[in-house]
Protein backbone atom coordinates (compact mmCIF):
# COMPACT_ATOMS: atom_id res chain seq x y z
CA UNK A 1 0.03 -0.02 0.03
CA UNK A 2 1.09 3.57 -0.50
CA UNK A 3 2.44 4.90 2.79
CA UNK A 4 4.19 8.18 1.84
CA UNK A 5 2.00 9.77 -0.65
CA UNK A 6 -1.62 10.36 -0.13
CA UNK A 7 -4.26 10.75 -2.77
CA UNK A 8 -4.43 14.61 -2.11
CA UNK A 9 -0.70 14.78 -2.35
CA UNK A 10 -0.64 12.84 -5.63
CA UNK A 11 -3.25 15.18 -7.04
CA UNK A 12 -1.31 18.24 -5.89
CA UNK A 13 1.96 16.75 -7.61
CA UNK A 14 0.16 16.11 -10.80
CA UNK A 15 -1.54 19.56 -10.98
CA UNK A 16 1.60 21.38 -10.29
CA UNK A 17 3.63 19.27 -13.00
CA UNK A 18 0.94 19.79 -15.61
CA UNK A 19 0.58 23.50 -15.05
CA UNK A 20 4.37 23.94 -15.28
CA UNK A 21 4.56 21.57 -18.50
CA UNK A 22 1.68 22.93 -20.31
CA UNK A 23 2.18 26.56 -19.23
CA UNK A 24 -1.55 26.89 -18.13
CA UNK A 25 -3.40 27.44 -14.87
CA UNK A 26 -6.49 25.40 -15.78
CA UNK A 27 -6.16 21.77 -15.01
CA UNK A 28 -9.17 19.62 -14.41
CA UNK A 29 -8.76 16.27 -12.65
CA UNK A 30 -11.22 13.50 -13.75
CA UNK A 31 -9.86 10.63 -11.80
CA UNK A 32 -7.33 9.40 -9.24
CA UNK A 33 -6.74 5.92 -8.65
CA UNK A 34 -4.23 3.66 -7.00
CA UNK A 35 -2.42 1.11 -9.27
CA UNK A 36 -0.40 -1.32 -7.15
CA UNK A 37 1.78 1.08 -5.10
CA UNK A 38 1.57 4.08 -7.61
CA UNK A 39 -1.14 6.69 -7.96
CA UNK A 40 -2.45 7.48 -11.39
CA UNK A 41 -4.02 10.89 -11.81
CA UNK A 42 -6.04 11.42 -15.22
CA UNK A 43 -7.55 14.85 -16.24
CA UNK A 44 -7.56 17.39 -19.01
CA UNK A 45 -6.16 20.69 -19.77
CA UNK A 46 -6.51 23.39 -22.42
CA UNK A 47 -3.83 23.84 -24.99
CA UNK A 48 -3.43 26.36 -28.00
CA UNK A 49 -2.43 24.87 -31.20
CA UNK A 50 -1.57 27.52 -33.75
CA UNK A 51 -4.29 29.87 -32.31
CA UNK A 52 -6.87 27.22 -31.96
CA UNK A 53 -7.96 26.06 -28.52
CA UNK A 54 -8.07 22.24 -27.96
CA UNK A 55 -8.20 20.06 -25.04
CA UNK A 56 -5.80 17.55 -24.09
CA UNK A 57 -6.26 14.51 -21.78
CA UNK A 58 -3.39 13.46 -19.70
CA UNK A 59 -2.21 10.78 -17.26
CA UNK A 60 0.38 11.32 -14.65
CA UNK A 61 1.79 8.19 -12.71
CA UNK A 62 3.35 8.97 -9.16
CA UNK A 63 5.28 6.66 -7.01
CA UNK A 64 5.36 6.24 -3.43
CA UNK A 65 8.01 8.79 -2.90
CA UNK A 66 6.07 11.41 -4.77
CA UNK A 67 8.27 11.23 -7.87
CA UNK A 68 6.46 11.37 -11.29
CA UNK A 69 7.24 7.84 -12.91
CA UNK A 70 5.59 8.29 -16.19
CA UNK A 71 3.20 10.86 -18.07
CA UNK A 72 1.09 10.28 -21.26
CA UNK A 73 -0.96 12.96 -22.98
CA UNK A 74 -3.08 13.29 -26.19
CA UNK A 75 -5.75 15.30 -27.91
CA UNK A 76 -9.32 14.65 -27.04
């Protein structure tokens, strides 16, 4: 079981990471689940593609120490 990182901490880590990576303040979390010992945070964020607004979905995997193990993102 995850001992060091709570569900709330995992959400905070993922939001901070995505805000910095995508240079946006609007991050919407859709789901947070535990997968073995890791937390998986899924959500969406707006992006600008050549002047056109799009939505992008993302998934951030966070380990028991609060480190980001993996990220995936794709357009909706």
